[in-house]
Protein backbone atom coordinates (compact mmCIF):
# COMPACT_ATOMS: atom_id res chain seq x y z
CA MET A 1 112.12 125.17 113.84
CA ALA A 2 108.72 123.52 113.71
CA GLU A 3 106.87 122.88 116.95
CA LEU A 4 106.96 119.35 118.34
CA PRO A 5 103.71 117.36 118.28
CA ASP A 6 102.37 115.46 121.30
CA ALA A 7 104.39 112.73 123.03
CA ALA A 8 102.60 109.80 121.39
CA THR A 9 103.14 111.26 117.93
CA CYS A 10 106.79 112.03 118.66
CA TYR A 11 107.34 108.44 119.79
CA GLU A 12 105.75 107.08 116.62
CA LEU A 13 107.76 109.42 114.37
CA LEU A 14 111.02 108.46 116.04
CA ALA A 15 110.13 104.76 115.95
CA ARG A 16 109.40 104.83 112.21
CA MET A 17 112.57 106.73 111.38
CA ALA A 18 114.69 104.40 113.52
CA LEU A 19 113.10 101.34 111.90
CA ILE A 20 113.73 102.62 108.38
CA ARG A 21 117.36 103.46 109.23
CA ARG A 22 117.95 100.04 110.71
CA PHE A 23 116.23 98.34 107.78
CA GLU A 24 118.34 100.21 105.23
CA GLU A 25 121.57 99.38 107.06
CA GLU A 26 120.67 95.71 107.11
CA ALA A 27 119.58 95.79 103.46
CA GLY A 28 123.03 97.10 102.57
CA ARG A 29 124.69 94.26 104.50
CA GLN A 30 122.47 91.62 102.89
CA TYR A 31 123.27 93.05 99.46
CA GLN A 32 126.98 92.65 100.18
CA ARG A 33 126.27 89.04 101.13
CA ALA A 34 124.55 88.62 97.72
CA ARG A 35 121.29 87.76 99.49
CA ALA A 36 119.53 90.75 97.95
CA GLY A 37 119.86 90.85 94.19
CA GLY A 38 119.55 93.39 91.42
CA PHE A 39 120.16 97.04 92.25
CA LEU A 40 120.00 98.61 95.70
CA HIS A 41 119.30 102.29 96.45
CA LEU A 42 119.38 103.23 100.14
CA ALA A 43 117.65 106.23 101.73
CA ILE A 44 119.84 106.50 104.83
CA GLY A 45 119.69 110.15 105.86
CA GLU A 46 116.31 110.87 104.23
CA GLU A 47 114.12 109.35 106.97
CA ALA A 48 112.62 112.66 108.13
CA THR A 49 111.36 113.48 104.64
CA ILE A 50 109.80 110.04 104.26
CA VAL A 51 108.19 109.77 107.69
CA GLY A 52 107.19 113.43 107.86
CA THR A 53 105.29 113.02 104.60
CA THR A 54 103.52 109.74 105.30
CA SER A 55 102.64 110.64 108.91
CA VAL A 56 99.99 113.16 107.82
CA MET A 57 98.46 111.05 105.05
CA ARG A 58 95.12 109.32 105.48
CA PRO A 59 94.69 105.57 104.81
CA GLU A 60 92.70 106.36 101.65
CA ASP A 61 95.44 108.58 100.21
CA PHE A 62 97.84 107.27 97.57
CA LEU A 63 101.63 107.39 97.65
CA ILE A 64 103.92 106.79 94.68
CA GLY A 65 107.72 106.94 94.69
CA THR A 66 110.87 106.26 92.72
CA TYR A 67 113.39 103.43 93.07
CA ARG A 68 114.56 104.43 96.60
CA THR A 69 111.40 103.40 98.42
CA HIS A 70 111.99 100.67 101.01
CA GLY A 71 111.34 103.24 103.72
CA HIS A 72 108.33 104.73 101.96
CA ALA A 73 106.56 101.36 101.96
CA ILE A 74 107.45 100.71 105.60
CA ALA A 75 106.31 104.19 106.62
CA ARG A 76 103.04 103.61 104.80
CA GLY A 77 102.42 100.46 106.84
CA THR A 78 103.87 97.60 104.80
CA GLU A 79 105.43 94.93 107.01
CA PRO A 80 109.25 95.17 106.95
CA LYS A 81 109.52 91.40 106.57
CA ARG A 82 107.62 91.56 103.26
CA VAL A 83 109.86 94.33 102.00
CA MET A 84 112.97 92.33 102.94
CA ALA A 85 111.53 89.24 101.28
CA GLU A 86 111.06 91.27 98.10
CA LEU A 87 114.72 92.32 98.21
CA PHE A 88 115.60 88.64 98.53
CA GLY A 89 113.41 87.78 95.53
CA ARG A 90 111.12 85.50 97.55
CA VAL A 91 107.44 84.62 97.10
CA ASP A 92 106.40 86.40 100.30
CA GLY A 93 107.73 89.71 99.05
CA THR A 94 105.49 92.66 98.21
CA SER A 95 105.64 91.79 94.51
CA GLY A 96 106.05 88.05 94.88
CA GLY A 97 109.80 88.35 94.55
CA ARG A 98 109.56 89.66 90.99
CA GLY A 99 110.16 93.36 91.57
CA GLY A 100 113.14 93.51 93.87
CA SER A 101 114.46 96.63 95.54
CA MET A 102 113.41 99.05 92.80
CA HIS A 103 109.80 97.88 92.53
CA ILE A 104 108.29 97.65 96.00
CA PHE A 105 104.49 97.76 95.72
CA ASP A 106 101.59 97.43 98.16
CA ALA A 107 98.17 98.27 96.76
CA GLU A 108 96.45 97.40 100.06
CA LYS A 109 98.34 100.24 101.75
CA ARG A 110 97.81 102.39 98.66
CA PHE A 111 101.54 102.54 98.08
CA MET A 112 101.52 102.47 94.30
CA GLY A 113 105.10 101.44 93.86
CA GLY A 114 108.61 102.50 93.09
CA TYR A 115 109.64 103.17 89.49
CA GLY A 116 113.08 102.79 87.95
CA ILE A 117 112.54 105.36 85.18
CA VAL A 118 113.53 108.83 86.40
CA GLY A 119 110.37 110.95 86.36
CA GLY A 120 108.29 107.98 85.20
CA ASN A 121 106.07 108.11 88.27
CA LEU A 122 104.96 111.71 87.66
CA PRO A 123 102.31 111.12 84.94
CA ILE A 124 101.17 107.98 86.79
CA ALA A 125 100.55 110.12 89.87
CA ALA A 126 98.45 112.49 87.78
CA GLY A 127 96.46 109.54 86.49
CA ILE A 128 95.80 108.24 90.00
CA ALA A 129 94.67 111.70 91.13
CA LEU A 130 92.44 112.01 88.06
CA ALA A 131 90.84 108.65 88.86
CA SER A 132 90.10 109.78 92.43
CA GLN A 133 88.60 113.00 91.12
CA TYR A 134 86.55 111.17 88.49
CA LYS A 135 85.15 108.71 91.06
CA GLY A 136 84.44 111.43 93.59
CA GLU A 137 86.81 109.97 96.18
CA ASP A 138 88.15 112.18 98.96
CA ALA A 139 91.69 110.92 98.35
CA VAL A 140 94.91 112.82 97.70
CA THR A 141 97.85 111.45 95.72
CA VAL A 142 101.34 112.22 97.02
CA CYS A 143 104.10 111.86 94.45
CA MET A 144 107.69 111.77 95.71
CA PHE A 145 110.62 112.07 93.32
CA GLY A 146 114.25 113.18 93.23
CA ASP A 147 115.76 116.48 92.14
CA GLY A 148 116.97 115.00 88.85
CA ALA A 149 113.40 114.13 87.83
CA SER A 150 112.47 117.81 87.88
CA ASN A 151 114.41 118.19 84.60
CA THR A 152 112.51 115.55 82.65
CA GLY A 153 109.87 116.25 80.04
CA ASN A 154 107.39 114.30 82.16
CA PHE A 155 107.75 116.91 84.89
CA GLY A 156 106.49 119.84 82.79
CA GLU A 157 103.73 117.83 81.15
CA THR A 158 102.47 116.53 84.49
CA MET A 159 102.56 119.94 86.17
CA ASN A 160 100.56 121.43 83.31
CA LEU A 161 97.84 118.78 83.43
CA ALA A 162 97.67 118.80 87.23
CA ALA A 163 97.10 122.55 87.25
CA LEU A 164 94.79 122.53 84.23
CA TRP A 165 92.56 119.78 85.62
CA LYS A 166 92.88 120.93 89.26
CA LEU A 167 93.98 117.50 90.43
CA PRO A 168 94.15 116.56 94.14
CA VAL A 169 97.88 115.86 94.16
CA LEU A 170 100.94 116.93 96.13
CA PHE A 171 104.33 116.75 94.43
CA MET A 172 107.27 116.29 96.80
CA VAL A 173 110.82 116.80 95.50
CA GLU A 174 113.28 114.90 97.68
CA ASN A 175 116.22 117.16 96.92
CA ASN A 176 119.26 115.26 98.16
CA LEU A 177 121.52 117.59 96.14
CA TYR A 178 122.56 115.01 93.54
CA GLY A 179 120.89 113.50 90.50
CA MET A 180 122.86 110.25 90.51
CA GLY A 181 126.32 111.86 90.69
CA THR A 182 125.52 115.30 89.29
CA SER A 183 124.99 118.20 91.69
CA VAL A 184 121.88 120.37 91.49
CA GLU A 185 123.99 123.35 90.43
CA ARG A 186 125.19 121.42 87.39
CA HIS A 187 121.92 119.81 86.31
CA SER A 188 119.30 122.51 87.01
CA ALA A 189 119.40 126.14 85.89
CA GLN A 190 116.85 126.92 88.62
CA THR A 191 118.29 125.58 91.88
CA ASP A 192 115.24 126.58 93.92
CA LEU A 193 113.24 123.57 92.80
CA SER A 194 110.10 124.77 94.57
CA LYS A 195 109.78 127.40 91.83
CA LYS A 196 109.98 125.04 88.88
CA ALA A 197 106.20 124.64 88.53
CA GLU A 198 105.22 128.31 88.93
CA GLY A 199 105.01 128.76 85.17
CA TYR A 200 102.32 126.09 85.10
CA GLY A 201 100.29 127.75 87.85
CA ILE A 202 101.45 125.53 90.72
CA SER A 203 102.79 127.26 93.81
CA GLY A 204 105.80 125.84 95.62
CA GLU A 205 107.39 125.87 99.04
CA ARG A 206 110.62 124.72 100.63
CA VAL A 207 110.92 122.75 103.88
CA ASP A 208 113.82 121.40 105.90
CA GLY A 209 113.89 117.77 104.89
CA MET A 210 116.07 116.85 107.87
CA ASP A 211 113.40 118.04 110.34
CA VAL A 212 110.50 115.59 110.54
CA ALA A 213 108.25 118.15 112.25
CA ALA A 214 108.88 120.73 109.52
CA VAL A 215 108.11 118.22 106.80
CA ARG A 216 104.88 117.26 108.58
CA GLY A 217 103.73 120.87 108.62
CA GLY A 218 104.50 121.55 104.96
CA VAL A 219 102.96 118.31 103.71
CA ALA A 220 99.87 118.69 105.88
CA GLU A 221 99.14 122.07 104.31
CA GLY A 222 99.79 120.78 100.80
CA ILE A 223 97.45 117.83 101.35
CA ARG A 224 94.79 120.12 102.82
CA ARG A 225 95.00 122.35 99.76
CA ALA A 226 94.73 119.35 97.44
CA ARG A 227 91.82 117.79 99.34
CA GLU A 228 89.75 120.88 100.09
CA GLU A 229 90.63 123.23 97.23
CA GLN A 230 91.61 120.76 94.49
CA ARG A 231 94.88 122.64 94.05
CA PRO A 232 98.18 120.85 93.41
CA THR A 233 101.33 121.98 95.23
CA LEU A 234 105.05 121.44 94.66
CA LEU A 235 106.97 120.97 97.90
CA GLU A 236 110.77 120.78 97.99
CA ALA A 237 112.40 119.01 100.93
CA SER A 238 116.13 119.69 101.34
CA THR A 239 117.58 116.37 102.49
CA TYR A 240 120.69 114.25 102.02
CA ARG A 241 121.62 110.63 101.43
CA TYR A 242 124.64 109.42 103.36
CA LYS A 243 125.28 106.52 101.00
CA GLY A 244 125.92 106.65 97.26
CA HIS A 245 123.30 106.76 94.56
CA SER A 246 123.30 102.97 94.57
CA ALA A 247 125.34 100.22 96.19
CA ALA A 248 127.68 100.35 93.18
CA ASP A 249 128.36 104.09 93.43
CA PRO A 250 132.08 104.94 94.04
CA GLU A 251 131.02 108.47 95.16
CA VAL A 252 133.81 110.33 93.40
CA TYR A 253 131.62 113.41 92.94
CA ARG A 254 131.52 114.61 96.56
CA GLU A 255 133.97 115.07 99.42
CA ARG A 256 133.88 113.11 102.66
CA GLU A 257 133.76 116.39 104.57
CA GLU A 258 130.43 117.24 102.93
CA VAL A 259 128.89 113.95 104.03
CA GLU A 260 130.18 114.40 107.57
CA GLU A 261 128.77 117.92 107.71
CA TRP A 262 125.30 116.67 106.79
CA GLN A 263 125.59 113.82 109.29
CA GLN A 264 125.78 116.46 112.00
CA LYS A 265 122.17 117.25 111.07
CA ASP A 266 121.11 113.60 111.32
CA PRO A 267 117.28 113.57 111.32
CA ILE A 268 116.98 110.76 113.87
CA GLU A 269 119.61 111.86 116.35
CA SER A 270 118.57 115.51 116.25
CA PHE A 271 114.87 114.68 116.70
CA ALA A 272 115.57 112.27 119.56
CA ARG A 273 117.78 114.83 121.28
CA ARG A 274 115.18 117.55 120.84
CA CYS A 275 112.40 115.35 122.27
CA VAL A 276 114.49 114.50 125.33
CA GLU A 277 115.52 118.11 125.93
CA ALA A 278 111.87 119.17 125.72
CA ASP A 279 110.85 116.41 128.16
CA VAL A 280 108.49 114.99 125.54
CA LEU A 281 110.33 111.65 125.55
CA GLY A 282 112.80 110.07 127.94
CA GLU A 283 116.14 108.38 127.27
CA ARG A 284 114.55 105.04 128.13
CA GLU A 285 111.93 105.49 125.41
CA VAL A 286 114.57 106.45 122.86
CA GLN A 287 116.56 103.31 123.67
CA GLN A 288 113.37 101.26 123.53
CA VAL A 289 112.74 102.54 120.00
CA ARG A 290 116.22 101.44 118.87
CA GLU A 291 115.94 97.99 120.43
CA LYS A 292 112.55 97.38 118.88
CA ALA A 293 113.86 98.40 115.46
CA ASP A 294 116.73 95.91 115.81
CA GLU A 295 114.34 93.10 116.71
CA THR A 296 111.96 93.88 113.86
CA VAL A 297 114.72 93.95 111.24
CA LYS A 298 116.31 90.77 112.55
CA ALA A 299 112.95 89.03 112.28
CA ALA A 300 112.52 90.43 108.75
CA VAL A 301 115.80 88.84 107.62
CA GLU A 302 114.82 85.48 109.15
CA PHE A 303 111.44 85.67 107.43
CA ALA A 304 113.02 86.49 104.06
CA GLU A 305 115.54 83.67 104.33
CA ALA A 306 112.79 81.19 105.18
CA SER A 307 110.55 82.31 102.33
CA PRO A 308 110.86 80.10 99.21
CA GLU A 309 111.95 81.34 95.82
CA PRO A 310 109.27 81.51 93.10
CA PRO A 311 109.00 78.18 91.20
CA LEU A 312 110.48 78.33 87.72
CA ASP A 313 107.19 77.25 86.15
CA THR A 314 105.63 80.55 87.37
CA MET A 315 108.13 82.67 85.43
CA TYR A 316 105.58 83.80 82.85
CA GLU A 317 102.69 84.44 85.24
CA ASN A 318 101.27 87.94 85.74
CA LEU A 319 102.88 89.32 82.59
CA TYR A 320 101.27 92.16 80.69
CA ALA A 321 101.80 90.29 77.40
CA GLN A 322 102.05 86.52 77.23
CA THR A 323 102.65 84.10 74.38
CA GLU A 324 101.87 80.42 73.99
CA PRO A 325 104.13 78.73 74.76
CA GLY A 326 105.58 81.27 77.18
CA GLY A 327 108.73 83.08 76.25
CA TRP A 328 109.76 86.10 74.28
CA TYR A 329 107.87 87.78 71.45
CA ALA A 330 109.22 89.80 68.55
CA VAL A 331 108.04 90.90 65.13
CA ASP A 332 110.40 90.60 62.17
CA GLU A 333 109.49 93.27 59.61
CA ARG A 334 112.26 92.61 57.09
CA SER A 335 109.79 91.45 54.49
CA PRO A 336 106.34 92.38 53.14
CA GLU A 337 105.00 89.59 55.37
CA PRO A 338 105.97 90.32 59.02
CA HIS A 339 106.35 87.22 61.15
CA ARG A 340 107.00 86.38 64.76
CA GLY A 341 110.67 86.59 65.62
CA GLU A 342 110.73 83.29 67.51
CA ASP A 343 109.24 81.55 64.44
CA GLU A 344 112.29 82.25 62.30
CA GLY A 345 112.44 78.63 61.24
CA HIS A 346 109.03 79.06 59.56
CA MET A 347 109.52 82.50 58.05
CA PRO A 348 107.91 83.32 54.67
CA ASP A 349 109.98 82.69 51.55
CA ALA A 350 110.37 86.42 50.83
CA ALA A 351 111.80 87.04 54.28
CA ARG A 352 114.17 84.08 53.96
CA GLU A 353 115.44 85.34 50.61
CA LEU A 354 116.10 88.80 52.00
CA ALA A 355 117.86 87.38 55.05
CA GLU A 356 120.05 85.13 52.93
CA ALA A 357 120.82 87.96 50.53
CA GLY A 358 121.86 90.15 53.46
CA ALA A 359 124.12 87.42 54.79
CA ALA A 360 125.64 86.98 51.33
CA TYR A 361 126.44 90.69 51.05
CA ALA A 362 128.45 90.45 54.25
CA GLY A 363 130.87 88.10 52.52
CA GLN A 364 131.20 90.02 49.21
CA PRO A 365 134.66 91.13 48.06
CA GLU A 366 135.53 94.81 48.08
CA GLY A 367 133.79 96.89 45.47
CA PRO A 368 130.38 98.45 44.77
CA ARG A 369 127.62 96.81 46.80
CA PRO A 370 124.81 95.34 44.66
CA ASN A 371 121.56 97.28 44.62
CA PRO A 372 118.93 95.01 46.23
CA ALA A 373 116.19 96.85 44.33
CA THR A 374 117.56 95.57 41.02
CA HIS A 375 119.74 92.58 41.89
CA GLY A 376 118.10 90.91 44.91
CA ASP A 377 116.83 87.35 44.68
CA ALA A 378 113.32 88.58 45.41
CA GLN A 379 113.46 90.63 42.18
CA GLU A 380 114.12 87.75 39.78
CA GLY A 381 111.90 87.98 36.76
CA VAL A 382 111.25 91.69 37.26
CA GLU A 383 112.35 94.04 34.50
CA PRO A 384 115.11 96.35 35.88
CA ARG A 385 113.23 99.50 34.83
CA VAL A 386 115.40 101.98 36.78
CA SER A 387 118.61 100.58 35.32
CA ALA A 388 117.23 100.71 31.76
CA GLU A 389 116.19 104.35 32.15
CA ARG A 390 119.66 105.23 33.42
CA GLU A 391 121.19 103.58 30.32
CA VAL A 392 119.00 105.72 28.05
CA GLY A 393 120.07 108.82 29.92
CA ASP A 394 123.73 107.86 29.66
CA GLU A 395 123.44 107.37 25.87
CA ALA A 396 121.74 110.74 25.51
CA GLU A 397 124.48 112.45 27.50
CA ASP A 398 127.14 110.86 25.32
CA ALA A 399 125.33 112.16 22.22
CA GLY A 400 125.11 115.69 23.62
CA THR A 401 121.34 115.57 23.74
CA ASN A 402 118.75 115.84 26.53
CA GLY A 403 117.53 112.31 25.92
CA SER A 404 114.82 113.32 23.45
CA GLY A 405 117.10 113.53 20.42
CA THR A 406 117.45 117.36 20.49
CA GLU A 407 120.47 119.50 21.27
CA GLU A 408 120.71 121.13 24.70
CA GLU A 409 120.43 124.92 24.58
CA GLY A 410 123.72 126.62 25.32
């Protein structure tokens, strides 16, 4: 068991974990009330991994996560009320109400967002680390992802580049034992995930993800190695989520007894108990932490409810690609003259003919389908060369010749 830090640090670690737990519980309740929209992925049970990691990062370091990152943003310093407002889809949210639960983002705190694509944040993390290296910044990128992401193609490609280019990055696998509803034993041939980057030249270590002090020690060394030696590391934290993969998860893939067994290792309760037993913190301070977390989360809900929804006329603002007037954009390539999909009423004649011909074929009686190369409307006036050649060949076959007027050799 890792050694406890000083009293002030222990208080801060406990306070952050308690706040994240309380926030996640309230987020689940607000989702049931239909106040928070979209998808919702809670990290209840994983607080020690989150707080242990962020507690040893510098302000200039970057953090990037997956779609279970309410706590990551809060631990990095984002105000809980802004995270809650984002869940509510309000203008005061971290992404202006446009990202929701899966896309919390706070560039000011160098939290570079949550990403809904499994493993999608891995190459982005490498890019951020490469930018820091290129600009000569003394910053480390910490990339946190789930056990399922270690099986994606992005994982191998990112590990290779990180090792090849000696990027200042720490990869943290939050191994909560399930990739959605599939256990590690079923989705990964190598169940010691800390070894999955060894073939790329990246060393790995395992830490107890339910022990905030142990996570702090492992991450601190990985960050030191990245900052001072420009060497990436893969760290695996063994943790557990008490709730399902998402709010819609029926959890048919695990037994209640398993969840209860892991709850006996609760990262908040065990750390609080250990601090009290070691006379580092008192019971009064532990209770103070809980009360303050309740007050902060209650205020966050009130703030989110009071925040306005984004005006409809801002729907197309801040888009990567934008059309005039705003809306959707598509390219119709069904003709030699591609045209914008939303301009179907002004499509070229060739495209219209092909579209009408296709619609006509759908209503044809049973039988051989016409060949559009020889019978389409767009081919009117064109000599059916292929058909004529076939007729010549057919006549030659009937005459027992090879088409040139001579007998075939027996």
